[in-house]
All heavy atoms as atom14 arrays in JSON, in Angstrom:
{
  "sequence": "LEGITRYSAHDLERGRAVWVDLLDPGARHDARRRFLRGAAIGAALP",
  "atom14_mask": [
    [1, 1, 1, 1, 1, 1, 1, 1, 0, 0, 0, 0, 0, 0],
    [1, 1, 1, 1, 1, 1, 1, 1, 1, 0, 0, 0, 0, 0],
    [1, 1, 1, 1, 0, 0, 0, 0, 0, 0, 0, 0, 0, 0],
    [1, 1, 1, 1, 1, 1, 1, 1, 0, 0, 0, 0, 0, 0],
    [1, 1, 1, 1, 1, 1, 1, 0, 0, 0, 0, 0, 0, 0],
    [1, 1, 1, 1, 1, 1, 1, 1, 1, 1, 1, 0, 0, 0],
    [1, 1, 1, 1, 1, 1, 1, 1, 1, 1, 1, 1, 0, 0],
    [1, 1, 1, 1, 1, 1, 0, 0, 0, 0, 0, 0, 0, 0],
    [1, 1, 1, 1, 1, 0, 0, 0, 0, 0, 0, 0, 0, 0],
    [1, 1, 1, 1, 1, 1, 1, 1, 1, 1, 0, 0, 0, 0],
    [1, 1, 1, 1, 1, 1, 1, 1, 0, 0, 0, 0, 0, 0],
    [1, 1, 1, 1, 1, 1, 1, 1, 0, 0, 0, 0, 0, 0],
    [1, 1, 1, 1, 1, 1, 1, 1, 1, 0, 0, 0, 0, 0],
    [1, 1, 1, 1, 1, 1, 1, 1, 1, 1, 1, 0, 0, 0],
    [1, 1, 1, 1, 0, 0, 0, 0, 0, 0, 0, 0, 0, 0],
    [1, 1, 1, 1, 1, 1, 1, 1, 1, 1, 1, 0, 0, 0],
    [1, 1, 1, 1, 1, 0, 0, 0, 0, 0, 0, 0, 0, 0],
    [1, 1, 1, 1, 1, 1, 1, 0, 0, 0, 0, 0, 0, 0],
    [1, 1, 1, 1, 1, 1, 1, 1, 1, 1, 1, 1, 1, 1],
    [1, 1, 1, 1, 1, 1, 1, 0, 0, 0, 0, 0, 0, 0],
    [1, 1, 1, 1, 1, 1, 1, 1, 0, 0, 0, 0, 0, 0],
    [1, 1, 1, 1, 1, 1, 1, 1, 0, 0, 0, 0, 0, 0],
    [1, 1, 1, 1, 1, 1, 1, 1, 0, 0, 0, 0, 0, 0],
    [1, 1, 1, 1, 1, 1, 1, 1, 0, 0, 0, 0, 0, 0],
    [1, 1, 1, 1, 1, 1, 1, 0, 0, 0, 0, 0, 0, 0],
    [1, 1, 1, 1, 0, 0, 0, 0, 0, 0, 0, 0, 0, 0],
    [1, 1, 1, 1, 1, 0, 0, 0, 0, 0, 0, 0, 0, 0],
    [1, 1, 1, 1, 1, 1, 1, 1, 1, 1, 1, 0, 0, 0],
    [1, 1, 1, 1, 1, 1, 1, 1, 1, 1, 0, 0, 0, 0],
    [1, 1, 1, 1, 1, 1, 1, 1, 0, 0, 0, 0, 0, 0],
    [1, 1, 1, 1, 1, 0, 0, 0, 0, 0, 0, 0, 0, 0],
    [1, 1, 1, 1, 1, 1, 1, 1, 1, 1, 1, 0, 0, 0],
    [1, 1, 1, 1, 1, 1, 1, 1, 1, 1, 1, 0, 0, 0],
    [1, 1, 1, 1, 1, 1, 1, 1, 1, 1, 1, 0, 0, 0],
    [1, 1, 1, 1, 1, 1, 1, 1, 1, 1, 1, 0, 0, 0],
    [1, 1, 1, 1, 1, 1, 1, 1, 0, 0, 0, 0, 0, 0],
    [1, 1, 1, 1, 1, 1, 1, 1, 1, 1, 1, 0, 0, 0],
    [1, 1, 1, 1, 0, 0, 0, 0, 0, 0, 0, 0, 0, 0],
    [1, 1, 1, 1, 1, 0, 0, 0, 0, 0, 0, 0, 0, 0],
    [1, 1, 1, 1, 1, 0, 0, 0, 0, 0, 0, 0, 0, 0],
    [1, 1, 1, 1, 1, 1, 1, 1, 0, 0, 0, 0, 0, 0],
    [1, 1, 1, 1, 0, 0, 0, 0, 0, 0, 0, 0, 0, 0],
    [1, 1, 1, 1, 1, 0, 0, 0, 0, 0, 0, 0, 0, 0],
    [1, 1, 1, 1, 1, 0, 0, 0, 0, 0, 0, 0, 0, 0],
    [1, 1, 1, 1, 1, 1, 1, 1, 0, 0, 0, 0, 0, 0],
    [1, 1, 1, 1, 1, 1, 1, 0, 0, 0, 0, 0, 0, 0]
  ],
  "atom14_positions": [
    [[32.87, -11.91, -4.47], [32.37, -10.56, -4.23], [33.5, -9.63, -3.91], [34.22, -9.79, -2.9], [31.35, -10.59, -3.05], [30.6, -9.31, -2.79], [29.66, -8.95, -3.95], [29.79, -9.45, -1.5], [0.0, 0.0, 0.0], [0.0, 0.0, 0.0], [0.0, 0.0, 0.0], [0.0, 0.0, 0.0], [0.0, 0.0, 0.0], [0.0, 0.0, 0.0]],
    [[33.74, -8.66, -4.81], [34.71, -7.57, -4.54], [36.08, -8.08, -4.1], [36.59, -7.68, -3.07], [34.13, -6.62, -3.52], [32.86, -5.92, -3.99], [32.25, -5.01, -2.94], [32.85, -4.91, -1.84], [31.2, -4.43, -3.19], [0.0, 0.0, 0.0], [0.0, 0.0, 0.0], [0.0, 0.0, 0.0], [0.0, 0.0, 0.0], [0.0, 0.0, 0.0]],
    [[36.65, -8.95, -4.92], [38.03, -9.41, -4.65], [38.16, -10.48, -3.63], [39.27, -10.86, -3.24], [0.0, 0.0, 0.0], [0.0, 0.0, 0.0], [0.0, 0.0, 0.0], [0.0, 0.0, 0.0], [0.0, 0.0, 0.0], [0.0, 0.0, 0.0], [0.0, 0.0, 0.0], [0.0, 0.0, 0.0], [0.0, 0.0, 0.0], [0.0, 0.0, 0.0]],
    [[37.03, -11.03, -3.12], [37.04, -12.1, -2.15], [36.22, -13.25, -2.68], [35.09, -13.07, -3.15], [36.47, -11.62, -0.79], [37.33, -10.49, -0.22], [36.37, -12.76, 0.2], [36.71, -9.84, 0.99], [0.0, 0.0, 0.0], [0.0, 0.0, 0.0], [0.0, 0.0, 0.0], [0.0, 0.0, 0.0], [0.0, 0.0, 0.0], [0.0, 0.0, 0.0]],
    [[36.77, -14.48, -2.61], [36.06, -15.65, -3.04], [35.74, -16.49, -1.8], [36.6, -16.79, -0.98], [36.89, -16.5, -4.0], [37.24, -15.71, -5.14], [36.09, -17.72, -4.49], [0.0, 0.0, 0.0], [0.0, 0.0, 0.0], [0.0, 0.0, 0.0], [0.0, 0.0, 0.0], [0.0, 0.0, 0.0], [0.0, 0.0, 0.0], [0.0, 0.0, 0.0]],
    [[34.46, -16.85, -1.65], [34.04, -17.67, -0.53], [33.92, -19.14, -0.93], [33.21, -19.45, -1.9], [32.7, -17.18, 0.04], [32.09, -18.08, 1.12], [30.97, -17.4, 1.87], [31.55, -16.26, 2.64], [30.79, -15.33, 3.17], [29.5, -15.34, 3.03], [31.36, -14.35, 3.86], [0.0, 0.0, 0.0], [0.0, 0.0, 0.0], [0.0, 0.0, 0.0]],
    [[34.55, -20.01, -0.23], [34.52, -21.44, -0.48], [33.72, -22.15, 0.63], [33.86, -21.81, 1.81], [35.92, -22.05, -0.47], [36.72, -21.81, -1.74], [37.45, -20.64, -1.91], [36.78, -22.78, -2.72], [38.18, -20.41, -3.04], [37.52, -22.57, -3.89], [38.22, -21.39, -4.02], [38.96, -21.17, -5.17], [0.0, 0.0, 0.0], [0.0, 0.0, 0.0]],
    [[32.95, -23.16, 0.23], [32.49, -24.15, 1.2], [33.74, -24.98, 1.57], [34.57, -25.28, 0.71], [31.42, -25.04, 0.61], [30.3, -24.3, 0.28], [0.0, 0.0, 0.0], [0.0, 0.0, 0.0], [0.0, 0.0, 0.0], [0.0, 0.0, 0.0], [0.0, 0.0, 0.0], [0.0, 0.0, 0.0], [0.0, 0.0, 0.0], [0.0, 0.0, 0.0]],
    [[33.89, -25.33, 2.83], [35.11, -26.0, 3.26], [34.78, -26.89, 4.48], [33.71, -26.85, 5.05], [36.22, -25.01, 3.59], [0.0, 0.0, 0.0], [0.0, 0.0, 0.0], [0.0, 0.0, 0.0], [0.0, 0.0, 0.0], [0.0, 0.0, 0.0], [0.0, 0.0, 0.0], [0.0, 0.0, 0.0], [0.0, 0.0, 0.0], [0.0, 0.0, 0.0]],
    [[35.77, -27.73, 4.84], [35.64, -28.61, 6.01], [36.81, -28.37, 6.94], [37.97, -28.38, 6.54], [35.61, -30.08, 5.55], [35.35, -31.05, 6.67], [34.13, -31.14, 7.27], [36.17, -31.91, 7.29], [34.2, -32.06, 8.21], [35.41, -32.54, 8.25], [0.0, 0.0, 0.0], [0.0, 0.0, 0.0], [0.0, 0.0, 0.0], [0.0, 0.0, 0.0]],
    [[36.48, -28.13, 8.2], [37.47, -27.95, 9.23], [37.88, -29.33, 9.72], [37.15, -29.98, 10.44], [36.86, -27.11, 10.4], [37.85, -26.84, 11.51], [38.92, -27.44, 11.53], [37.51, -26.03, 12.4], [0.0, 0.0, 0.0], [0.0, 0.0, 0.0], [0.0, 0.0, 0.0], [0.0, 0.0, 0.0], [0.0, 0.0, 0.0], [0.0, 0.0, 0.0]],
    [[39.07, -29.81, 9.31], [39.52, -31.12, 9.69], [39.8, -31.27, 11.17], [39.64, -32.35, 11.74], [40.8, -31.45, 8.88], [40.67, -31.45, 7.36], [42.02, -31.78, 6.73], [39.6, -32.41, 6.89], [0.0, 0.0, 0.0], [0.0, 0.0, 0.0], [0.0, 0.0, 0.0], [0.0, 0.0, 0.0], [0.0, 0.0, 0.0], [0.0, 0.0, 0.0]],
    [[40.18, -30.18, 11.82], [40.53, -30.26, 13.24], [39.28, -30.47, 14.1], [39.3, -31.21, 15.06], [41.28, -28.99, 13.65], [41.76, -29.0, 15.1], [42.6, -27.75, 15.4], [43.58, -27.56, 14.69], [42.21, -27.03, 16.35], [0.0, 0.0, 0.0], [0.0, 0.0, 0.0], [0.0, 0.0, 0.0], [0.0, 0.0, 0.0], [0.0, 0.0, 0.0]],
    [[38.18, -29.79, 13.74], [36.94, -29.87, 14.56], [35.85, -30.68, 13.88], [34.78, -30.85, 14.46], [36.47, -28.46, 14.84], [37.42, -27.69, 15.72], [36.74, -26.53, 16.44], [37.64, -25.84, 17.32], [37.26, -24.86, 18.12], [35.98, -24.45, 18.11], [38.12, -24.27, 18.94], [0.0, 0.0, 0.0], [0.0, 0.0, 0.0], [0.0, 0.0, 0.0]],
    [[36.07, -31.15, 12.66], [35.09, -31.98, 11.98], [33.79, -31.26, 11.7], [32.7, -31.81, 11.93], [0.0, 0.0, 0.0], [0.0, 0.0, 0.0], [0.0, 0.0, 0.0], [0.0, 0.0, 0.0], [0.0, 0.0, 0.0], [0.0, 0.0, 0.0], [0.0, 0.0, 0.0], [0.0, 0.0, 0.0], [0.0, 0.0, 0.0], [0.0, 0.0, 0.0]],
    [[33.86, -30.03, 11.19], [32.67, -29.24, 10.94], [32.75, -28.53, 9.6], [33.85, -28.31, 9.06], [32.49, -28.22, 12.06], [33.65, -27.19, 12.14], [33.46, -26.2, 13.26], [34.59, -25.28, 13.35], [34.7, -24.31, 14.22], [33.73, -24.13, 15.12], [35.77, -23.51, 14.2], [0.0, 0.0, 0.0], [0.0, 0.0, 0.0], [0.0, 0.0, 0.0]],
    [[31.62, -28.19, 9.06], [31.55, -27.41, 7.82], [31.78, -25.95, 8.11], [31.29, -25.43, 9.13], [30.19, -27.61, 7.15], [0.0, 0.0, 0.0], [0.0, 0.0, 0.0], [0.0, 0.0, 0.0], [0.0, 0.0, 0.0], [0.0, 0.0, 0.0], [0.0, 0.0, 0.0], [0.0, 0.0, 0.0], [0.0, 0.0, 0.0], [0.0, 0.0, 0.0]],
    [[32.51, -25.29, 7.27], [32.79, -23.84, 7.45], [32.77, -23.17, 6.06], [32.71, -23.85, 5.03], [34.19, -23.59, 8.12], [34.19, -24.08, 9.53], [35.31, -24.25, 7.3], [0.0, 0.0, 0.0], [0.0, 0.0, 0.0], [0.0, 0.0, 0.0], [0.0, 0.0, 0.0], [0.0, 0.0, 0.0], [0.0, 0.0, 0.0], [0.0, 0.0, 0.0]],
    [[32.86, -21.87, 6.08], [33.14, -21.06, 4.88], [34.52, -20.51, 5.04], [34.95, -20.12, 6.14], [32.16, -19.91, 4.76], [30.79, -20.24, 4.36], [30.34, -21.35, 3.73], [29.61, -19.44, 4.61], [28.97, -21.3, 3.56], [28.51, -20.12, 4.06], [29.42, -18.18, 5.19], [27.24, -19.61, 4.13], [28.13, -17.69, 5.24], [27.06, -18.41, 4.72]],
    [[35.29, -20.47, 3.94], [36.58, -19.84, 3.93], [36.56, -18.7, 2.88], [36.33, -18.96, 1.7], [37.7, -20.82, 3.59], [39.06, -20.11, 3.5], [37.79, -21.91, 4.68], [0.0, 0.0, 0.0], [0.0, 0.0, 0.0], [0.0, 0.0, 0.0], [0.0, 0.0, 0.0], [0.0, 0.0, 0.0], [0.0, 0.0, 0.0], [0.0, 0.0, 0.0]],
    [[36.8, -17.49, 3.32], [36.93, -16.35, 2.45], [38.4, -16.13, 2.11], [39.2, -15.94, 3.01], [36.36, -15.07, 3.13], [34.82, -15.07, 3.18], [34.2, -16.01, 2.67], [34.29, -14.12, 3.78], [0.0, 0.0, 0.0], [0.0, 0.0, 0.0], [0.0, 0.0, 0.0], [0.0, 0.0, 0.0], [0.0, 0.0, 0.0], [0.0, 0.0, 0.0]],
    [[38.71, -16.15, 0.82], [40.07, -15.94, 0.35], [40.18, -14.58, -0.35], [39.43, -14.32, -1.33], [40.49, -17.03, -0.61], [40.69, -18.43, -0.03], [41.09, -19.38, -1.16], [41.72, -18.45, 1.06], [0.0, 0.0, 0.0], [0.0, 0.0, 0.0], [0.0, 0.0, 0.0], [0.0, 0.0, 0.0], [0.0, 0.0, 0.0], [0.0, 0.0, 0.0]],
    [[41.08, -13.76, 0.12], [41.37, -12.52, -0.59], [42.16, -12.89, -1.84], [42.94, -13.83, -1.84], [42.2, -11.58, 0.29], [42.49, -10.19, -0.2], [41.21, -9.39, -0.36], [43.43, -9.45, 0.72], [0.0, 0.0, 0.0], [0.0, 0.0, 0.0], [0.0, 0.0, 0.0], [0.0, 0.0, 0.0], [0.0, 0.0, 0.0], [0.0, 0.0, 0.0]],
    [[41.91, -12.16, -2.92], [42.58, -12.49, -4.19], [44.1, -12.59, -4.02], [44.72, -11.76, -3.32], [42.31, -11.38, -5.23], [40.97, -11.55, -5.9], [40.31, -12.59, -5.66], [40.57, -10.67, -6.68], [0.0, 0.0, 0.0], [0.0, 0.0, 0.0], [0.0, 0.0, 0.0], [0.0, 0.0, 0.0], [0.0, 0.0, 0.0], [0.0, 0.0, 0.0]],
    [[44.7, -13.61, -4.62], [46.17, -13.71, -4.57], [46.79, -12.48, -5.26], [46.27, -11.99, -6.26], [46.47, -15.0, -5.33], [45.27, -15.24, -6.19], [44.1, -14.72, -5.44], [0.0, 0.0, 0.0], [0.0, 0.0, 0.0], [0.0, 0.0, 0.0], [0.0, 0.0, 0.0], [0.0, 0.0, 0.0], [0.0, 0.0, 0.0], [0.0, 0.0, 0.0]],
    [[47.88, -12.0, -4.73], [48.5, -10.83, -5.34], [47.89, -9.54, -4.88], [48.25, -8.49, -5.43], [0.0, 0.0, 0.0], [0.0, 0.0, 0.0], [0.0, 0.0, 0.0], [0.0, 0.0, 0.0], [0.0, 0.0, 0.0], [0.0, 0.0, 0.0], [0.0, 0.0, 0.0], [0.0, 0.0, 0.0], [0.0, 0.0, 0.0], [0.0, 0.0, 0.0]],
    [[46.98, -9.57, -3.93], [46.41, -8.34, -3.42], [47.51, -7.46, -2.78], [48.45, -7.97, -2.22], [45.3, -8.63, -2.37], [0.0, 0.0, 0.0], [0.0, 0.0, 0.0], [0.0, 0.0, 0.0], [0.0, 0.0, 0.0], [0.0, 0.0, 0.0], [0.0, 0.0, 0.0], [0.0, 0.0, 0.0], [0.0, 0.0, 0.0], [0.0, 0.0, 0.0]],
    [[47.33, -6.16, -2.88], [48.34, -5.27, -2.34], [48.42, -5.38, -0.83], [47.49, -5.81, -0.16], [47.99, -3.81, -2.74], [48.06, -3.55, -4.22], [47.59, -2.16, -4.56], [48.29, -1.13, -3.81], [48.01, 0.18, -3.93], [47.09, 0.58, -4.79], [48.72, 1.06, -3.22], [0.0, 0.0, 0.0], [0.0, 0.0, 0.0], [0.0, 0.0, 0.0]],
    [[49.58, -4.98, -0.31], [49.83, -5.11, 1.12], [48.78, -4.37, 1.93], [48.32, -4.92, 2.95], [51.21, -4.55, 1.45], [51.51, -4.49, 2.93], [51.74, -5.62, 3.7], [51.5, -3.45, 3.82], [51.92, -5.26, 4.96], [51.79, -3.95, 5.04], [0.0, 0.0, 0.0], [0.0, 0.0, 0.0], [0.0, 0.0, 0.0], [0.0, 0.0, 0.0]],
    [[48.38, -3.18, 1.54], [47.38, -2.42, 2.32], [46.02, -3.11, 2.28], [45.27, -3.07, 3.26], [47.27, -0.98, 1.84], [46.91, -0.87, 0.36], [47.1, -1.85, -0.36], [46.45, 0.22, -0.05], [0.0, 0.0, 0.0], [0.0, 0.0, 0.0], [0.0, 0.0, 0.0], [0.0, 0.0, 0.0], [0.0, 0.0, 0.0], [0.0, 0.0, 0.0]],
    [[45.7, -3.79, 1.17], [44.42, -4.52, 1.07], [44.45, -5.72, 2.04], [43.46, -6.01, 2.71], [44.17, -4.99, -0.33], [0.0, 0.0, 0.0], [0.0, 0.0, 0.0], [0.0, 0.0, 0.0], [0.0, 0.0, 0.0], [0.0, 0.0, 0.0], [0.0, 0.0, 0.0], [0.0, 0.0, 0.0], [0.0, 0.0, 0.0], [0.0, 0.0, 0.0]],
    [[45.58, -6.44, 2.09], [45.69, -7.57, 3.03], [45.62, -7.07, 4.47], [45.02, -7.72, 5.32], [47.01, -8.33, 2.79], [47.09, -9.05, 1.44], [48.15, -10.13, 1.49], [49.42, -9.68, 2.03], [50.38, -9.08, 1.31], [50.19, -8.82, 0.05], [51.52, -8.73, 1.9], [0.0, 0.0, 0.0], [0.0, 0.0, 0.0], [0.0, 0.0, 0.0]],
    [[46.28, -5.94, 4.73], [46.27, -5.39, 6.08], [44.87, -5.05, 6.51], [44.43, -5.41, 7.66], [47.19, -4.16, 6.14], [47.22, -3.49, 7.53], [48.11, -2.26, 7.49], [47.63, -1.29, 6.53], [46.68, -0.38, 6.81], [46.09, -0.35, 8.0], [46.32, 0.49, 5.89], [0.0, 0.0, 0.0], [0.0, 0.0, 0.0], [0.0, 0.0, 0.0]],
    [[44.07, -4.39, 5.65], [42.7, -4.04, 5.97], [41.85, -5.31, 6.17], [41.03, -5.37, 7.08], [42.11, -3.16, 4.89], [42.59, -1.74, 4.9], [41.73, -0.83, 4.02], [41.7, -1.32, 2.63], [42.52, -0.9, 1.69], [43.51, -0.05, 1.98], [42.37, -1.36, 0.47], [0.0, 0.0, 0.0], [0.0, 0.0, 0.0], [0.0, 0.0, 0.0]],
    [[42.04, -6.28, 5.31], [41.26, -7.51, 5.39], [41.54, -8.19, 6.73], [40.61, -8.63, 7.44], [41.66, -8.42, 4.21], [40.94, -9.76, 4.21], [39.68, -9.91, 3.62], [41.52, -10.86, 4.82], [39.07, -11.15, 3.61], [40.89, -12.1, 4.82], [39.66, -12.22, 4.21], [0.0, 0.0, 0.0], [0.0, 0.0, 0.0], [0.0, 0.0, 0.0]],
    [[42.81, -8.36, 7.09], [43.16, -9.08, 8.34], [42.75, -8.27, 9.58], [42.34, -8.87, 10.57], [44.65, -9.38, 8.36], [45.09, -10.42, 7.31], [46.62, -10.5, 7.3], [44.5, -11.79, 7.7], [0.0, 0.0, 0.0], [0.0, 0.0, 0.0], [0.0, 0.0, 0.0], [0.0, 0.0, 0.0], [0.0, 0.0, 0.0], [0.0, 0.0, 0.0]],
    [[42.87, -6.95, 9.52], [42.43, -6.13, 10.65], [40.9, -6.27, 10.82], [40.41, -6.44, 11.94], [42.78, -4.67, 10.46], [42.43, -3.8, 11.65], [42.73, -2.36, 11.4], [41.98, -1.84, 10.24], [42.13, -0.61, 9.77], [43.01, 0.21, 10.28], [41.42, -0.21, 8.71], [0.0, 0.0, 0.0], [0.0, 0.0, 0.0], [0.0, 0.0, 0.0]],
    [[40.18, -6.2, 9.71], [38.73, -6.39, 9.8], [38.35, -7.76, 10.31], [37.41, -7.91, 11.09], [0.0, 0.0, 0.0], [0.0, 0.0, 0.0], [0.0, 0.0, 0.0], [0.0, 0.0, 0.0], [0.0, 0.0, 0.0], [0.0, 0.0, 0.0], [0.0, 0.0, 0.0], [0.0, 0.0, 0.0], [0.0, 0.0, 0.0], [0.0, 0.0, 0.0]],
    [[39.06, -8.78, 9.85], [38.79, -10.13, 10.33], [39.05, -10.28, 11.82], [38.31, -10.95, 12.55], [39.64, -11.15, 9.53], [0.0, 0.0, 0.0], [0.0, 0.0, 0.0], [0.0, 0.0, 0.0], [0.0, 0.0, 0.0], [0.0, 0.0, 0.0], [0.0, 0.0, 0.0], [0.0, 0.0, 0.0], [0.0, 0.0, 0.0], [0.0, 0.0, 0.0]],
    [[40.1, -9.64, 12.31], [40.38, -9.67, 13.73], [39.28, -9.01, 14.52], [38.86, -9.51, 15.6], [41.72, -9.0, 14.01], [0.0, 0.0, 0.0], [0.0, 0.0, 0.0], [0.0, 0.0, 0.0], [0.0, 0.0, 0.0], [0.0, 0.0, 0.0], [0.0, 0.0, 0.0], [0.0, 0.0, 0.0], [0.0, 0.0, 0.0], [0.0, 0.0, 0.0]],
    [[38.76, -7.88, 14.05], [37.67, -7.19, 14.7], [36.42, -8.06, 14.68], [35.72, -8.22, 15.7], [37.4, -5.84, 14.03], [38.54, -4.91, 14.26], [36.09, -5.22, 14.53], [38.45, -3.61, 13.48], [0.0, 0.0, 0.0], [0.0, 0.0, 0.0], [0.0, 0.0, 0.0], [0.0, 0.0, 0.0], [0.0, 0.0, 0.0], [0.0, 0.0, 0.0]],
    [[36.12, -8.67, 13.52], [34.95, -9.55, 13.41], [35.05, -10.76, 14.32], [34.06, -11.18, 14.93], [0.0, 0.0, 0.0], [0.0, 0.0, 0.0], [0.0, 0.0, 0.0], [0.0, 0.0, 0.0], [0.0, 0.0, 0.0], [0.0, 0.0, 0.0], [0.0, 0.0, 0.0], [0.0, 0.0, 0.0], [0.0, 0.0, 0.0], [0.0, 0.0, 0.0]],
    [[36.25, -11.35, 14.43], [36.44, -12.52, 15.28], [36.24, -12.18, 16.75], [35.87, -13.04, 17.55], [37.8, -13.14, 15.03], [0.0, 0.0, 0.0], [0.0, 0.0, 0.0], [0.0, 0.0, 0.0], [0.0, 0.0, 0.0], [0.0, 0.0, 0.0], [0.0, 0.0, 0.0], [0.0, 0.0, 0.0], [0.0, 0.0, 0.0], [0.0, 0.0, 0.0]],
    [[36.55, -10.95, 17.14], [36.45, -10.56, 18.54], [35.02, -10.17, 18.91], [34.71, -10.03, 20.11], [37.39, -9.37, 18.8], [0.0, 0.0, 0.0], [0.0, 0.0, 0.0], [0.0, 0.0, 0.0], [0.0, 0.0, 0.0], [0.0, 0.0, 0.0], [0.0, 0.0, 0.0], [0.0, 0.0, 0.0], [0.0, 0.0, 0.0], [0.0, 0.0, 0.0]],
    [[34.12, -10.03, 17.93], [32.72, -9.67, 18.2], [32.04, -10.84, 18.95], [32.04, -11.97, 18.5], [32.01, -9.39, 16.9], [30.62, -8.74, 16.95], [30.74, -7.34, 17.57], [30.07, -8.67, 15.54], [0.0, 0.0, 0.0], [0.0, 0.0, 0.0], [0.0, 0.0, 0.0], [0.0, 0.0, 0.0], [0.0, 0.0, 0.0], [0.0, 0.0, 0.0]],
    [[31.44, -10.56, 20.12], [30.77, -11.67, 20.84], [29.62, -12.29, 20.04], [29.06, -11.68, 19.13], [30.18, -10.93, 22.11], [31.05, -9.72, 22.25], [31.42, -9.31, 20.87], [0.0, 0.0, 0.0], [0.0, 0.0, 0.0], [0.0, 0.0, 0.0], [0.0, 0.0, 0.0], [0.0, 0.0, 0.0], [0.0, 0.0, 0.0], [0.0, 0.0, 0.0]]
  ]
}
């Protein structure tokens, strides 16, 4: 969806199923910056 691919994945450290969203390889620096900033905000949400 819109330059992001979601994978089913396994967290080896915690032994649990997760989703991993990958931004397209080769994405521009500003796109990576927005993605990571948004992810940080989302991760901080209680």
